[in-house]
Protein backbone atom coordinates (compact mmCIF):
# COMPACT_ATOMS: atom_id res chain seq x y z
CA UNK A 1 0.00 0.00 0.00
CA UNK A 2 1.47 3.25 -1.09
CA UNK A 3 -0.43 5.50 1.32
CA UNK A 4 -0.79 5.66 5.08
CA UNK A 5 -4.13 4.49 6.49
CA UNK A 6 -5.36 5.99 9.74
CA UNK A 7 -8.43 3.85 10.15
CA UNK A 8 -6.36 0.70 10.23
CA UNK A 9 -4.58 2.02 13.24
CA UNK A 10 -1.04 1.95 11.91
CA UNK A 11 0.90 3.29 9.00
CA UNK A 12 1.79 0.73 6.40
CA UNK A 13 4.95 -0.72 4.86
CA UNK A 14 6.09 0.81 1.64
CA UNK A 15 5.91 -0.64 -1.83
CA UNK A 16 7.00 0.13 -5.35
CA UNK A 17 4.87 -2.66 -6.79
CA UNK A 18 1.25 -2.93 -7.85
CA UNK A 19 -1.50 -3.19 -5.24
CA UNK A 20 -1.87 -6.96 -5.73
CA UNK A 21 1.87 -7.53 -5.50
CA UNK A 22 2.06 -5.32 -2.43
CA UNK A 23 -0.63 -7.35 -0.75
CA UNK A 24 1.10 -10.59 -1.60
CA UNK A 25 4.43 -9.31 -0.34
CA UNK A 26 2.88 -8.28 2.96
CA UNK A 27 1.38 -11.72 3.37
CA UNK A 28 4.70 -13.26 2.42
CA UNK A 29 6.34 -11.27 5.19
CA UNK A 30 3.33 -12.18 7.36
CA UNK A 31 2.61 -8.76 8.81
CA UNK A 32 -0.02 -10.09 11.12
CA UNK A 33 -2.34 -7.25 12.00
CA UNK A 34 -5.72 -8.24 10.58
CA UNK A 35 -7.03 -4.75 9.91
CA UNK A 36 -4.02 -3.65 7.88
CA UNK A 37 -3.97 -6.86 5.88
CA UNK A 38 -7.50 -6.31 4.62
CA UNK A 39 -7.03 -2.57 4.14
CA UNK A 40 -5.06 -3.51 1.03
CA UNK A 41 -8.33 -4.52 -0.58
CA UNK A 42 -9.92 -1.09 -0.18
CA UNK A 43 -10.16 0.92 -3.41
CA UNK A 44 -11.44 4.41 -2.60
CA UNK A 45 -13.04 6.37 -5.42
CA UNK A 46 -11.17 9.41 -6.66
CA UNK A 47 -12.85 12.69 -5.76
CA UNK A 48 -13.86 13.25 -9.39
CA UNK A 49 -15.39 9.80 -9.81
CA UNK A 50 -19.07 9.02 -9.66
CA UNK A 51 -20.13 5.75 -8.04
CA UNK A 52 -20.69 3.05 -10.69
CA UNK A 53 -24.17 1.75 -11.39
CA UNK A 54 -25.25 -1.42 -9.64
CA UNK A 55 -24.87 -2.27 -5.95
CA UNK A 56 -22.27 -4.96 -6.71
CA UNK A 57 -19.92 -2.32 -8.11
CA UNK A 58 -19.68 -0.74 -4.66
CA UNK A 59 -18.39 -3.91 -3.00
CA UNK A 60 -14.94 -5.41 -2.69
CA UNK A 61 -14.40 -8.81 -1.06
CA UNK A 62 -11.14 -10.04 0.42
CA UNK A 63 -10.12 -12.82 2.73
CA UNK A 64 -7.52 -15.00 4.36
CA UNK A 65 -7.34 -18.68 5.30
CA UNK A 66 -4.48 -19.99 7.46
CA UNK A 67 -3.84 -23.59 8.54
CA UNK A 68 -1.01 -24.39 10.95
CA UNK A 69 0.71 -27.53 12.15
CA UNK A 70 2.82 -27.20 15.31
CA UNK A 71 5.07 -29.42 17.43
CA UNK A 72 6.19 -28.28 20.90
CA UNK A 73 8.71 -29.84 23.25
CA UNK A 74 9.56 -29.04 26.87
CA UNK A 75 11.95 -30.83 29.26
CA UNK A 76 9.05 -33.05 30.37
CA UNK A 77 6.47 -33.19 27.60
CA UNK A 78 5.78 -32.85 23.91
CA UNK A 79 2.61 -31.91 22.01
CA UNK A 80 1.48 -31.55 18.41
CA UNK A 81 -1.59 -30.20 16.66
CA UNK A 82 -3.08 -29.13 13.33
CA UNK A 83 -5.50 -26.22 13.45
CA UNK A 84 -7.48 -23.90 11.21
CA UNK A 85 -5.99 -20.87 12.89
CA UNK A 86 -7.62 -18.09 10.86
CA UNK A 87 -10.48 -17.55 8.46
CA UNK A 88 -11.22 -13.92 7.59
CA UNK A 89 -13.72 -12.48 5.15
CA UNK A 90 -13.67 -8.74 4.59
CA UNK A 91 -16.37 -6.74 2.84
CA UNK A 92 -15.82 -3.11 1.81
CA UNK A 93 -18.38 -0.80 0.26
CA UNK A 94 -17.09 2.52 -1.10
CA UNK A 95 -20.56 4.01 -1.44
CA UNK A 96 -19.38 7.57 -2.23
CA UNK A 97 -15.95 9.21 -2.57
CA UNK A 98 -16.33 10.21 1.10
CA UNK A 99 -17.96 7.16 2.71
CA UNK A 100 -16.60 3.63 3.17
CA UNK A 101 -18.29 0.82 5.10
CA UNK A 102 -16.07 -2.05 6.20
CA UNK A 103 -16.94 -5.37 7.83
CA UNK A 104 -14.74 -8.30 8.80
CA UNK A 105 -15.93 -11.78 9.79
CA UNK A 106 -13.39 -13.85 11.73
CA UNK A 107 -13.05 -17.46 12.86
CA UNK A 108 -10.08 -18.75 14.87
CA UNK A 109 -10.11 -22.39 15.93
CA UNK A 110 -9.78 -22.69 19.69
CA UNK A 111 -10.22 -18.93 20.16
CA UNK A 112 -13.66 -18.09 18.78
CA UNK A 113 -16.37 -20.71 19.30
CA UNK A 114 -18.04 -19.62 16.08
CA UNK A 115 -17.65 -16.95 13.43
CA UNK A 116 -17.92 -13.42 14.83
CA UNK A 117 -18.07 -9.88 13.55
CA UNK A 118 -14.50 -8.85 14.21
CA UNK A 119 -14.82 -5.36 12.75
CA UNK A 120 -17.56 -3.05 11.53
CA UNK A 121 -16.38 0.45 10.61
CA UNK A 122 -17.84 3.46 8.82
CA UNK A 123 -15.17 5.85 7.58
CA UNK A 124 -15.66 9.41 6.34
CA UNK A 125 -12.55 10.26 4.36
CA UNK A 126 -11.41 11.69 1.02
CA UNK A 127 -7.68 12.26 0.88
CA UNK A 128 -7.90 14.16 -2.40
CA UNK A 129 -9.89 16.91 -0.71
CA UNK A 130 -9.03 16.79 3.00
CA UNK A 131 -6.30 15.47 5.30
CA UNK A 132 -8.94 14.76 7.97
CA UNK A 133 -10.87 11.55 8.52
CA UNK A 134 -13.47 10.24 10.93
CA UNK A 135 -14.20 6.59 11.68
CA UNK A 136 -16.68 4.99 14.03
CA UNK A 137 -17.46 1.36 14.81
CA UNK A 138 -15.89 -1.80 16.12
CA UNK A 139 -12.17 -1.64 15.37
CA UNK A 140 -8.67 -2.39 16.55
CA UNK A 141 -7.70 0.96 18.02
CA UNK A 142 -4.37 2.44 16.91
CA UNK A 143 -2.39 1.55 20.02
CA UNK A 144 0.81 -0.32 19.20
CA UNK A 145 2.07 -1.38 15.79
CA UNK A 146 2.61 -5.17 15.98
CA UNK A 147 4.19 -5.65 12.54
CA UNK A 148 6.15 -8.89 12.35
CA UNK A 149 7.75 -11.27 9.88
CA UNK A 150 6.91 -14.28 12.05
CA UNK A 151 4.06 -16.78 11.91
CA UNK A 152 3.08 -16.18 15.54
CA UNK A 153 1.99 -12.80 16.88
CA UNK A 154 4.71 -10.70 18.56
CA UNK A 155 4.68 -10.45 22.35
CA UNK A 156 3.93 -6.72 22.09
CA UNK A 157 0.57 -7.63 20.51
CA UNK A 158 -0.14 -10.11 23.32
CA UNK A 159 -0.04 -7.23 25.80
CA UNK A 160 -1.35 -4.28 23.81
CA UNK A 161 -3.86 -5.28 21.10
CA UNK A 162 -7.23 -3.66 21.86
CA UNK A 163 -10.50 -4.10 19.99
CA UNK A 164 -13.34 -1.77 20.96
CA UNK A 165 -16.30 0.10 19.55
CA UNK A 166 -14.74 3.52 19.23
CA UNK A 167 -14.71 6.88 17.53
CA UNK A 168 -11.46 7.81 15.82
CA UNK A 169 -10.47 11.14 14.25
CA UNK A 170 -7.40 11.20 12.05
CA UNK A 171 -5.09 13.55 10.17
CA UNK A 172 -2.59 12.73 7.40
CA UNK A 173 -0.29 15.15 5.59
CA UNK A 174 3.13 14.79 3.93
CA UNK A 175 4.05 11.60 5.76
CA UNK A 176 2.83 12.78 9.17
CA UNK A 177 -0.13 10.87 10.58
CA UNK A 178 -2.06 11.21 13.82
CA UNK A 179 -5.29 10.00 15.33
CA UNK A 180 -7.29 10.48 18.50
CA UNK A 181 -9.64 7.74 19.69
CA UNK A 182 -12.40 7.58 22.31
CA UNK A 183 -14.35 4.60 23.64
CA UNK A 184 -16.31 3.36 26.65
CA UNK A 185 -14.24 0.24 27.28
CA UNK A 186 -14.81 -3.07 29.03
CA UNK A 187 -12.87 -2.32 32.22
CA UNK A 188 -13.97 0.13 34.91
CA UNK A 189 -12.55 1.81 37.99
CA UNK A 190 -15.96 3.23 38.96
CA UNK A 191 -19.68 2.66 38.39
CA UNK A 192 -19.73 5.13 35.52
CA UNK A 193 -20.87 3.97 32.08
CA UNK A 194 -19.53 7.06 30.33
CA UNK A 195 -16.87 7.28 27.66
CA UNK A 196 -13.76 7.51 29.85
CA UNK A 197 -11.05 5.78 27.81
CA UNK A 198 -9.03 7.52 25.13
CA UNK A 199 -5.66 7.67 23.49
CA UNK A 200 -3.63 9.03 20.62
CA UNK A 201 -1.34 7.81 17.87
CA UNK A 202 1.39 9.88 16.19
CA UNK A 203 3.92 8.98 13.53
CA UNK A 204 6.07 9.99 10.61
CA UNK A 205 6.61 7.84 7.54
CA UNK A 206 8.43 8.40 4.27
CA UNK A 207 6.15 8.23 1.26
CA UNK A 208 8.66 7.82 -1.57
CA UNK A 209 7.13 5.01 -3.56
CA UNK A 210 10.12 4.67 -5.88
CA UNK A 211 12.81 4.75 -3.20
CA UNK A 212 14.63 1.68 -1.90
CA UNK A 213 14.93 3.31 1.52
CA UNK A 214 11.83 3.99 3.56
CA UNK A 215 11.13 4.41 7.24
CA UNK A 216 8.41 4.84 9.81
CA UNK A 217 8.53 5.93 13.43
CA UNK A 218 5.52 6.12 15.71
CA UNK A 219 4.29 6.67 19.24
CA UNK A 220 0.93 5.69 20.73
CA UNK A 221 -0.60 6.17 24.18
CA UNK A 222 -3.74 4.92 25.92
CA UNK A 223 -5.06 6.02 29.31
CA UNK A 224 -5.93 2.47 30.47
CA UNK A 225 -3.79 -0.47 29.35
CA UNK A 226 -6.06 -2.85 31.30
CA UNK A 227 -8.59 -2.59 28.48
CA UNK A 228 -6.34 -4.49 26.04
CA UNK A 229 -7.85 -7.81 24.99
CA UNK A 230 -5.48 -9.99 27.04
CA UNK A 231 -5.22 -7.82 30.14
CA UNK A 232 -9.01 -7.79 30.44
CA UNK A 233 -8.78 -11.54 31.04
CA UNK A 234 -5.81 -11.24 33.41
CA UNK A 235 -6.78 -8.50 35.84
CA UNK A 236 -8.54 -9.68 38.99
CA UNK A 237 -11.83 -7.81 38.48
CA UNK A 238 -12.13 -5.86 35.20
CA UNK A 239 -15.32 -4.18 36.42
CA UNK A 240 -13.71 -2.87 39.60
CA UNK A 241 -10.15 -1.72 38.95
CA UNK A 242 -8.35 -0.02 41.79
CA UNK A 243 -6.96 2.52 39.32
CA UNK A 244 -6.39 3.13 35.62
CA UNK A 245 -2.85 2.52 34.41
CA UNK A 246 -1.84 4.20 31.14
CA UNK A 247 0.30 2.47 28.52
CA UNK A 248 2.47 3.64 25.66
CA UNK A 249 4.21 2.11 22.67
CA UNK A 250 7.04 3.30 20.44
CA UNK A 251 8.11 1.63 17.20
CA UNK A 252 10.41 2.09 14.23
CA UNK A 253 10.48 0.30 10.88
CA UNK A 254 13.21 0.63 8.26
CA UNK A 255 13.20 -0.84 4.75
CA UNK A 256 16.36 -0.61 2.65
CA UNK A 257 16.08 -2.64 -0.52
CA UNK A 258 15.59 -6.29 0.48
CA UNK A 259 16.49 -5.62 4.14
CA UNK A 260 14.01 -4.67 6.84
CA UNK A 261 14.26 -3.89 10.53
CA UNK A 262 11.38 -3.75 13.00
CA UNK A 263 11.60 -2.53 16.58
CA UNK A 264 8.83 -1.94 19.13
CA UNK A 265 8.57 -1.42 22.86
CA UNK A 266 5.23 -1.39 24.69
CA UNK A 267 4.76 -0.90 28.42
CA UNK A 268 2.51 0.25 31.22
CA UNK A 269 3.62 3.69 32.34
CA UNK A 270 3.42 2.72 36.02
CA UNK A 271 2.67 -0.33 38.15
CA UNK A 272 -0.83 -1.69 38.59
CA UNK A 273 -2.28 -1.97 42.05
CA UNK A 274 -1.43 -5.44 43.38
CA UNK A 275 -5.15 -6.16 43.77
CA UNK A 276 -5.57 -5.71 40.00
CA UNK A 277 -2.47 -7.35 38.52
CA UNK A 278 0.34 -8.90 40.53
CA UNK A 279 3.94 -9.85 39.86
CA UNK A 280 6.17 -11.33 42.53
CA UNK A 281 3.78 -10.19 45.32
CA UNK A 282 3.75 -6.57 44.09
CA UNK A 283 1.82 -4.61 41.52
CA UNK A 284 2.86 -5.62 38.01
CA UNK A 285 4.19 -3.24 35.38
CA UNK A 286 3.89 -5.38 32.22
CA UNK A 287 6.02 -4.58 29.19
CA UNK A 288 7.14 -6.27 25.98
CA UNK A 289 9.60 -5.65 23.17
CA UNK A 290 10.17 -7.01 19.68
CA UNK A 291 13.29 -6.69 17.53
CA UNK A 292 13.31 -8.29 14.07
CA UNK A 293 15.55 -8.34 11.02
CA UNK A 294 14.23 -9.58 7.69
CA UNK A 295 15.65 -10.24 4.25
CA UNK A 296 13.56 -10.79 1.09
CA UNK A 297 14.93 -12.42 -2.05
CA UNK A 298 13.96 -14.57 -5.01
CA UNK A 299 14.78 -18.26 -5.32
CA UNK A 300 13.98 -20.04 -8.58
CA UNK A 301 11.64 -17.19 -9.41
CA UNK A 302 9.72 -17.37 -6.13
CA UNK A 303 9.54 -14.72 -3.44
CA UNK A 304 11.24 -15.82 -0.21
CA UNK A 305 11.72 -14.05 3.10
CA UNK A 306 13.88 -14.96 6.08
CA UNK A 307 13.80 -13.28 9.48
CA UNK A 308 15.32 -13.50 12.93
CA UNK A 309 13.64 -12.04 16.01
CA UNK A 310 14.37 -11.41 19.67
CA UNK A 311 11.35 -10.76 21.86
CA UNK A 312 10.77 -10.46 25.56
CA UNK A 313 8.44 -9.37 28.35
CA UNK A 314 8.75 -7.87 31.80
CA UNK A 315 6.43 -8.63 34.74
CA UNK A 316 3.96 -10.45 32.46
CA UNK A 317 3.84 -13.81 34.22
CA UNK A 318 0.11 -13.44 34.97
CA UNK A 319 -0.53 -13.10 31.22
CA UNK A 320 1.08 -16.54 30.68
CA UNK A 321 3.76 -15.09 28.41
CA UNK A 322 7.43 -16.14 28.24
CA UNK A 323 10.18 -13.92 29.56
CA UNK A 324 12.26 -14.29 26.39
CA UNK A 325 11.63 -15.66 22.91
CA UNK A 326 14.01 -16.25 20.01
CA UNK A 327 12.55 -16.79 16.54
CA UNK A 328 13.61 -17.80 13.06
CA UNK A 329 11.04 -17.62 10.27
CA UNK A 330 11.06 -18.55 6.59
CA UNK A 331 8.23 -17.87 4.11
CA UNK A 332 7.97 -18.91 0.47
CA UNK A 333 5.49 -17.79 -2.18
CA UNK A 334 4.67 -21.24 -3.59
CA UNK A 335 1.81 -20.03 -5.81
CA UNK A 336 0.20 -16.67 -6.45
CA UNK A 337 -1.40 -15.50 -3.19
CA UNK A 338 -0.35 -18.77 -1.51
CA UNK A 339 2.39 -18.68 1.12
CA UNK A 340 4.10 -21.52 2.94
CA UNK A 341 5.77 -20.42 6.17
CA UNK A 342 8.00 -22.12 8.72
CA UNK A 343 8.96 -20.92 12.17
CA UNK A 344 11.14 -22.07 15.05
CA UNK A 345 10.59 -20.44 18.44
CA UNK A 346 12.58 -20.95 21.64
CA UNK A 347 10.77 -19.65 24.76
CA UNK A 348 12.25 -19.20 28.22
CA UNK A 349 9.74 -18.83 31.04
CA UNK A 350 10.09 -16.66 34.13
CA UNK A 351 12.36 -18.04 36.81
CA UNK A 352 11.31 -19.67 40.07
CA UNK A 353 12.26 -16.55 42.03
CA UNK A 354 9.65 -14.62 40.01
CA UNK A 355 6.96 -17.25 40.54
CA UNK A 356 7.52 -19.06 37.25
CA UNK A 357 8.88 -22.49 36.38
CA UNK A 358 12.11 -21.45 34.70
CA UNK A 359 11.43 -24.03 31.99
CA UNK A 360 11.99 -23.59 28.27
CA UNK A 361 10.07 -24.81 25.26
CA UNK A 362 10.80 -25.24 21.57
CA UNK A 363 8.03 -24.94 18.98
CA UNK A 364 8.21 -25.78 15.29
CA UNK A 365 5.34 -24.37 13.20
CA UNK A 366 4.38 -24.75 9.55
CA UNK A 367 1.71 -22.50 8.11
CA UNK A 368 -0.10 -22.57 4.76
CA UNK A 369 -1.89 -19.31 4.00
CA UNK A 370 -4.03 -18.16 1.09
CA UNK A 371 -4.95 -14.49 0.75
CA UNK A 372 -7.52 -13.26 -1.75
């Protein structure tokens, strides 16, 4: 995608290829965030265009199917499984040059019991005429970046990803992007049912489509990290928090020819009350980081990517996350829009002195993905 998209929540990697090739490359590199992946399918009308006749001309369908096979070993056990990890179907209707309606249906085996409406967003935006945009609906709010070359989600996502029904106002101009979001939230520190949660997202990205060197840097902040999808399930009583704890994330992405670097750090800005989230008998201050290096090349005419990653968390034992993770990932474009990926992950759990087991685990994963 050659432009930055506020509604998706993050700015997007850079491409000198066609839209289809850009989408395939992003799947090849397995940039996992669901919203961004399907944003590639959106084709806004130019300001001078008139909507085509026929309701079917307003619609654009896109989707993703992922199947994974995994084998995990620990010092004491081993386990294996095959799972339909992801099925996504996105529907976009560009009903006027200013109005886009977006819906996303999601199924994840073992996570969602049945298909669910993952996203439903109405966006008012026309970049030809205004740098401003407004979006409202069920969305992944723009807190954190979470781009990754790996098959599995980065540990930063496991702490920070937040889906809510929200209102988001955005601004884009000359590579600078920003957004402000407001929502009610699913966690409370009082009996109020008012809109009390909010945050912002700021960043700067190069927009030179023909350049081999591109970059992005960004900062996001939210006034209550406990409302992230995973922390909601980890805090003692989400409806009766002792206090709100803000969170922030910083990230940087660099692309230079076939080489890419990704770095992100996400953390609570202060410790939770021990009655809400505990670590080692005190209030936890969960944090995570992700550092990745990727290289893309062609082998016998097929697109291939290889990446190494170092990830880690701090005071996140209650979230059932490892303290450190080392990753190696390989992805091959075996057919058009069909990607075969392999990943090796070595996890080290928190030590006994921190309340963990100190054990390690090794996981080998193979993933077959089709994007359309």
